[in-house]
């Protein structure tokens, strides 16, 4: 069952991904039903992992493990996001494009690109004929995936529990892992996909190393486009004038988990260079008023005269 369109299954997975996303795009466009968007993206990873494993048919241990890791991640995330959106209602990301077919199509095209590109390490590993013995890279990659998966799953559940409590209505989540990073779920997702890449490296040769574009694409996407920037902008608009939120933001790492007491005392250049505290994450934060603006305009001098 070796060759299907190309030896690395790149064309096969591209066709399947486009077809799968097109199906859900049609449902969304016709029925104005966008609750299945994240489910469509996450389960697409599962389909590609199973498809490439079965079509290749070699069932090597490394291929089976990598495929299982992607399947577990995709099913967990897909059903979690589906249940969450069904509980919370409409997806606000589509409020401005729900009625615009062109913009909606661009979103689904981008989602197809995301699925296909990020899946590259497992796609090429499953297509490979090379079967070296299990190496340190395999173990390291599996451990990275385990850590990332645990962090992402725990963070998602902690935030869901926090948001579900009536007493937390109108508050930002700062419990559990969210005490140590403003986006622990994204840290977990980035870390686990770099783990998948590391675990695929024992079978890579030549141009196959370009599968590193998968975790790079995901990292850039979450850091600069659809992940952290959008959530930071939304939170700044909601809570930007709240002193406690400003303190939380100054003392909490945007991505890499760190104790707040350490993070808040680090110099800004270090945070920007090594910890991803980019200026775009604060450009929507309302400027703090100078101290003199917070005091009463009428003050009494020591000699009894009023000033201000």
Protein backbone atom coordinates (compact mmCIF):
# COMPACT_ATOMS: atom_id res chain seq x y z
CA UNK A 1 0.00 0.00 0.00
CA UNK A 2 3.11 2.10 -0.24
CA UNK A 3 2.63 4.87 -2.83
CA UNK A 4 -0.47 7.03 -2.83
CA UNK A 5 -0.01 10.10 -5.05
CA UNK A 6 3.41 10.74 -3.49
CA UNK A 7 5.73 8.81 -1.24
CA UNK A 8 5.28 11.16 1.74
CA UNK A 9 1.48 11.39 1.48
CA UNK A 10 1.69 15.17 1.14
CA UNK A 11 -0.79 15.37 -1.75
CA UNK A 12 -3.11 12.79 -0.17
CA UNK A 13 -3.30 14.63 3.13
CA UNK A 14 -3.77 17.97 1.37
CA UNK A 15 -6.73 16.64 -0.64
CA UNK A 16 -8.35 15.03 2.40
CA UNK A 17 -7.84 18.16 4.51
CA UNK A 18 -9.32 20.48 1.91
CA UNK A 19 -12.27 18.15 1.41
CA UNK A 20 -12.96 17.78 5.12
CA UNK A 21 -12.75 21.52 5.81
CA UNK A 22 -14.84 22.29 2.70
CA UNK A 23 -17.61 20.04 4.04
CA UNK A 24 -17.79 21.93 7.33
CA UNK A 25 -17.46 25.28 5.53
CA UNK A 26 -20.57 24.47 3.50
CA UNK A 27 -22.46 23.53 6.67
CA UNK A 28 -21.36 26.75 8.36
CA UNK A 29 -22.16 28.96 5.36
CA UNK A 30 -25.59 27.48 4.62
CA UNK A 31 -26.84 27.00 8.16
CA UNK A 32 -24.98 29.89 9.82
CA UNK A 33 -23.87 27.28 12.34
CA UNK A 34 -20.29 27.89 13.53
CA UNK A 35 -20.24 25.74 16.64
CA UNK A 36 -18.40 22.93 14.81
CA UNK A 37 -15.45 25.04 13.65
CA UNK A 38 -12.89 24.00 16.27
CA UNK A 39 -14.21 20.44 16.23
CA UNK A 40 -13.59 20.30 12.47
CA UNK A 41 -10.02 21.51 12.90
CA UNK A 42 -9.06 19.21 15.76
CA UNK A 43 -10.63 16.05 14.35
CA UNK A 44 -8.96 16.67 10.99
CA UNK A 45 -5.63 15.93 12.70
CA UNK A 46 -7.06 12.62 13.89
CA UNK A 47 -8.19 11.69 10.39
CA UNK A 48 -4.77 12.43 8.87
CA UNK A 49 -2.91 10.44 11.53
CA UNK A 50 -5.16 7.39 11.10
CA UNK A 51 -5.22 7.69 7.31
CA UNK A 52 -1.45 7.85 6.84
CA UNK A 53 -0.87 5.04 9.35
CA UNK A 54 -3.39 2.70 7.71
CA UNK A 55 -2.49 3.52 4.09
CA UNK A 56 1.21 2.93 4.72
CA UNK A 57 0.34 -0.27 6.54
CA UNK A 58 3.78 -0.89 8.06
CA UNK A 59 2.63 -0.37 11.68
CA UNK A 60 6.09 0.31 13.08
CA UNK A 61 6.15 1.09 16.80
CA UNK A 62 7.29 4.70 16.28
CA UNK A 63 4.52 5.33 13.76
CA UNK A 64 1.87 3.83 16.02
CA UNK A 65 2.99 5.87 19.03
CA UNK A 66 3.15 9.16 17.12
CA UNK A 67 -0.26 8.53 15.59
CA UNK A 68 -1.76 7.71 18.99
CA UNK A 69 -0.35 10.91 20.46
CA UNK A 70 -1.99 12.99 17.74
CA UNK A 71 -5.26 11.05 17.97
CA UNK A 72 -5.46 11.49 21.75
CA UNK A 73 -4.70 15.21 21.48
CA UNK A 74 -7.15 15.80 18.64
CA UNK A 75 -10.06 13.94 20.21
CA UNK A 76 -9.57 15.53 23.61
CA UNK A 77 -9.32 19.05 22.24
CA UNK A 78 -12.05 18.60 19.64
CA UNK A 79 -14.71 17.33 22.02
CA UNK A 80 -13.67 19.76 24.76
CA UNK A 81 -14.07 22.75 22.43
CA UNK A 82 -17.33 21.40 21.03
CA UNK A 83 -18.85 20.93 24.48
CA UNK A 84 -17.62 24.36 25.56
CA UNK A 85 -19.11 26.21 22.61
CA UNK A 86 -22.40 24.36 22.97
CA UNK A 87 -22.45 25.45 26.61
CA UNK A 88 -21.37 29.06 26.05
CA UNK A 89 -23.29 29.76 22.82
CA UNK A 90 -22.08 31.33 19.57
CA UNK A 91 -18.41 31.72 18.71
CA UNK A 92 -17.71 35.46 18.98
CA UNK A 93 -14.81 35.18 16.55
CA UNK A 94 -17.39 34.97 13.75
CA UNK A 95 -19.58 37.88 14.79
CA UNK A 96 -18.07 40.14 12.10
CA UNK A 97 -17.69 37.54 9.33
CA UNK A 98 -20.64 35.19 9.83
CA UNK A 99 -22.60 36.91 7.07
CA UNK A 100 -19.60 37.53 4.79
CA UNK A 101 -19.02 34.48 2.60
CA UNK A 102 -15.62 35.67 1.38
CA UNK A 103 -14.17 36.31 4.83
CA UNK A 104 -15.65 33.06 6.09
CA UNK A 105 -13.98 31.18 3.23
CA UNK A 106 -10.62 32.77 4.05
CA UNK A 107 -10.92 31.53 7.63
CA UNK A 108 -11.61 27.95 6.52
CA UNK A 109 -8.79 28.02 3.99
CA UNK A 110 -6.44 29.17 6.73
CA UNK A 111 -7.68 26.41 9.03
CA UNK A 112 -6.97 23.82 6.32
CA UNK A 113 -3.43 25.21 5.97
CA UNK A 114 -3.00 25.00 9.76
CA UNK A 115 -4.07 21.35 9.92
CA UNK A 116 -1.98 20.20 6.97
CA UNK A 117 1.17 22.11 7.97
CA UNK A 118 1.18 21.24 11.67
CA UNK A 119 0.51 17.56 10.82
CA UNK A 120 3.65 17.34 8.67
CA UNK A 121 5.89 15.58 11.25
CA UNK A 122 3.47 12.69 11.84
CA UNK A 123 2.51 12.54 8.14
CA UNK A 124 6.10 12.13 6.97
CA UNK A 125 7.02 9.80 9.85
CA UNK A 126 4.09 7.53 9.00
CA UNK A 127 5.10 7.50 5.32
CA UNK A 128 8.75 6.65 6.03
CA UNK A 129 10.31 3.26 5.22
CA UNK A 130 13.10 3.85 7.72
CA UNK A 131 12.77 2.03 11.04
CA UNK A 132 15.74 2.80 13.31
CA UNK A 133 15.63 1.54 16.86
CA UNK A 134 14.04 3.74 19.49
CA UNK A 135 16.42 6.58 20.28
CA UNK A 136 16.79 9.33 22.86
CA UNK A 137 14.95 11.71 20.51
CA UNK A 138 11.89 9.46 20.62
CA UNK A 139 11.81 9.41 24.42
CA UNK A 140 12.44 13.16 24.69
CA UNK A 141 9.68 13.88 22.17
CA UNK A 142 7.19 11.63 23.96
CA UNK A 143 7.99 13.29 27.29
CA UNK A 144 7.57 16.75 25.75
CA UNK A 145 4.21 15.70 24.34
CA UNK A 146 3.13 14.32 27.73
CA UNK A 147 4.07 17.54 29.53
CA UNK A 148 2.44 19.75 26.91
CA UNK A 149 -0.72 17.66 26.76
CA UNK A 150 -1.07 17.63 30.55
CA UNK A 151 -0.59 21.40 30.78
CA UNK A 152 -3.07 22.14 27.99
CA UNK A 153 -5.74 19.78 29.33
CA UNK A 154 -5.36 21.03 32.91
CA UNK A 155 -5.44 24.69 31.83
CA UNK A 156 -8.55 24.18 29.72
CA UNK A 157 -10.38 22.49 32.58
CA UNK A 158 -9.29 25.09 35.13
CA UNK A 159 -10.53 27.95 32.97
CA UNK A 160 -13.81 26.18 32.18
CA UNK A 161 -14.43 25.59 35.89
CA UNK A 162 -13.54 29.20 36.68
CA UNK A 163 -15.81 30.64 33.98
CA UNK A 164 -18.68 28.34 34.95
CA UNK A 165 -18.84 29.76 38.47
CA UNK A 166 -21.35 32.65 38.79
CA UNK A 167 -19.12 34.39 41.34
CA UNK A 168 -16.38 34.71 38.70
CA UNK A 169 -18.60 36.39 36.14
CA UNK A 170 -16.80 39.35 34.61
CA UNK A 171 -13.38 38.31 35.97
CA UNK A 172 -10.23 37.09 34.25
CA UNK A 173 -8.93 33.62 35.04
CA UNK A 174 -5.94 33.69 37.42
CA UNK A 175 -6.19 30.33 39.16
CA UNK A 176 -4.13 27.16 38.86
CA UNK A 177 -1.73 27.27 35.93
CA UNK A 178 -3.13 30.67 34.99
CA UNK A 179 -1.25 32.12 37.98
CA UNK A 180 2.05 31.37 36.26
CA UNK A 181 1.28 32.19 32.63
CA UNK A 182 -1.46 34.17 30.95
CA UNK A 183 -1.85 31.46 28.29
CA UNK A 184 -0.94 28.02 29.71
CA UNK A 185 -3.11 26.22 27.16
CA UNK A 186 -1.10 27.71 24.29
CA UNK A 187 2.16 26.87 26.02
CA UNK A 188 1.00 23.27 26.30
CA UNK A 189 -0.07 23.07 22.67
CA UNK A 190 3.17 24.54 21.34
CA UNK A 191 5.27 22.30 23.60
CA UNK A 192 3.47 19.09 22.66
CA UNK A 193 3.75 19.73 18.92
CA UNK A 194 7.46 20.43 19.23
CA UNK A 195 7.55 17.08 21.04
CA UNK A 196 5.87 15.39 18.07
CA UNK A 197 8.50 16.92 15.79
CA UNK A 198 11.39 15.79 18.02
CA UNK A 199 9.97 12.27 18.13
CA UNK A 200 9.81 12.19 14.33
CA UNK A 201 13.44 13.20 13.77
CA UNK A 202 14.99 9.69 13.88
CA UNK A 203 13.41 8.90 10.49
CA UNK A 204 13.99 12.24 8.77
CA UNK A 205 16.47 12.66 5.93
CA UNK A 206 17.29 15.50 3.55
CA UNK A 207 14.32 17.65 2.58
CA UNK A 208 12.11 15.77 5.06
CA UNK A 209 13.56 17.99 7.77
CA UNK A 210 11.31 20.71 6.38
CA UNK A 211 8.55 19.20 8.52
CA UNK A 212 9.94 21.52 11.20
CA UNK A 213 7.72 24.08 9.46
CA UNK A 214 4.83 22.42 11.31
CA UNK A 215 5.72 23.45 14.88
CA UNK A 216 7.23 26.72 13.62
CA UNK A 217 3.97 27.61 11.88
CA UNK A 218 1.94 26.76 14.99
CA UNK A 219 4.24 28.80 17.25
CA UNK A 220 4.11 31.88 15.00
CA UNK A 221 0.35 31.51 14.60
CA UNK A 222 -0.30 31.50 18.34
CA UNK A 223 2.28 34.18 19.15
CA UNK A 224 1.44 36.71 16.45
CA UNK A 225 -1.86 36.02 14.68
CA UNK A 226 -4.86 34.12 16.01
CA UNK A 227 -3.80 33.14 19.50
CA UNK A 228 -2.29 35.38 22.14
CA UNK A 229 -2.75 38.77 20.37
CA UNK A 230 -6.51 38.33 20.03
CA UNK A 231 -7.01 37.22 23.63
CA UNK A 232 -4.73 39.93 25.00
CA UNK A 233 -6.65 42.56 23.03
CA UNK A 234 -9.97 41.26 24.32
CA UNK A 235 -8.80 41.10 27.95
CA UNK A 236 -7.25 44.58 27.80
CA UNK A 237 -10.52 46.06 26.55
CA UNK A 238 -12.51 44.36 29.31
CA UNK A 239 -10.17 44.80 32.26
CA UNK A 240 -7.57 47.35 31.18
CA UNK A 241 -8.76 49.96 33.66
CA UNK A 242 -8.71 47.54 36.60
CA UNK A 243 -5.59 47.93 38.75
CA UNK A 244 -5.60 44.26 39.81
CA UNK A 245 -5.61 43.15 36.17
CA UNK A 246 -2.72 45.48 35.33
CA UNK A 247 -0.78 44.00 38.23
CA UNK A 248 -1.61 40.48 37.04
CA UNK A 249 -0.40 41.30 33.55
CA UNK A 250 2.84 42.91 34.74
CA UNK A 251 3.69 40.00 37.04
CA UNK A 252 2.54 37.06 34.89
CA UNK A 253 4.44 35.59 31.96
CA UNK A 254 2.56 35.62 28.64
CA UNK A 255 3.51 32.04 27.70
CA UNK A 256 6.27 30.23 29.62
CA UNK A 257 5.16 29.37 33.18
CA UNK A 258 7.14 31.27 35.82
CA UNK A 259 6.46 32.28 39.45
CA UNK A 260 5.05 35.84 39.42
CA UNK A 261 7.54 36.98 42.07
CA UNK A 262 10.35 36.15 39.64
CA UNK A 263 8.74 37.36 36.43
CA UNK A 264 7.71 40.80 37.62
CA UNK A 265 11.26 41.63 38.72
CA UNK A 266 12.89 40.69 35.42
CA UNK A 267 14.03 43.55 33.15
CA UNK A 268 11.76 44.32 30.21
CA UNK A 269 14.44 43.61 27.62
CA UNK A 270 14.84 40.09 29.03
CA UNK A 271 11.08 39.50 28.98
CA UNK A 272 10.82 40.70 25.40
CA UNK A 273 13.84 38.78 24.13
CA UNK A 274 13.43 35.45 25.90
CA UNK A 275 9.90 35.26 27.33
CA UNK A 276 7.78 36.56 24.42
CA UNK A 277 6.48 39.69 26.18
CA UNK A 278 6.04 41.55 22.90
CA UNK A 279 4.79 45.17 22.73
CA UNK A 280 1.79 44.16 20.60
CA UNK A 281 0.35 42.37 23.64
CA UNK A 282 -0.09 45.69 25.42
CA UNK A 283 -0.87 48.15 22.64
CA UNK A 284 -4.59 47.97 23.47
CA UNK A 285 -4.04 48.46 27.19
CA UNK A 286 -5.38 51.86 28.31
CA UNK A 287 -2.63 54.15 29.52
CA UNK A 288 -2.35 54.51 33.26
CA UNK A 289 -3.15 57.95 34.59
CA UNK A 290 -0.26 59.81 36.24
CA UNK A 291 -0.30 59.78 40.01
CA UNK A 292 -1.30 63.44 40.14
CA UNK A 293 -4.44 62.62 38.17
CA UNK A 294 -5.55 60.11 40.76
CA UNK A 295 -5.45 62.55 43.67
CA UNK A 296 -8.09 65.09 44.55
CA UNK A 297 -7.88 68.30 42.55
CA UNK A 298 -8.37 70.29 45.75
CA UNK A 299 -5.61 69.95 48.29
CA UNK A 300 -4.75 72.02 51.33
CA UNK A 301 -1.28 73.44 51.82
CA UNK A 302 0.37 73.36 55.18
CA UNK A 303 -0.38 77.09 55.60
CA UNK A 304 -4.10 76.48 55.16
CA UNK A 305 -4.50 77.77 51.57
CA UNK A 306 -6.23 75.59 48.99
CA UNK A 307 -4.48 74.65 45.80
CA UNK A 308 -5.67 72.85 42.65
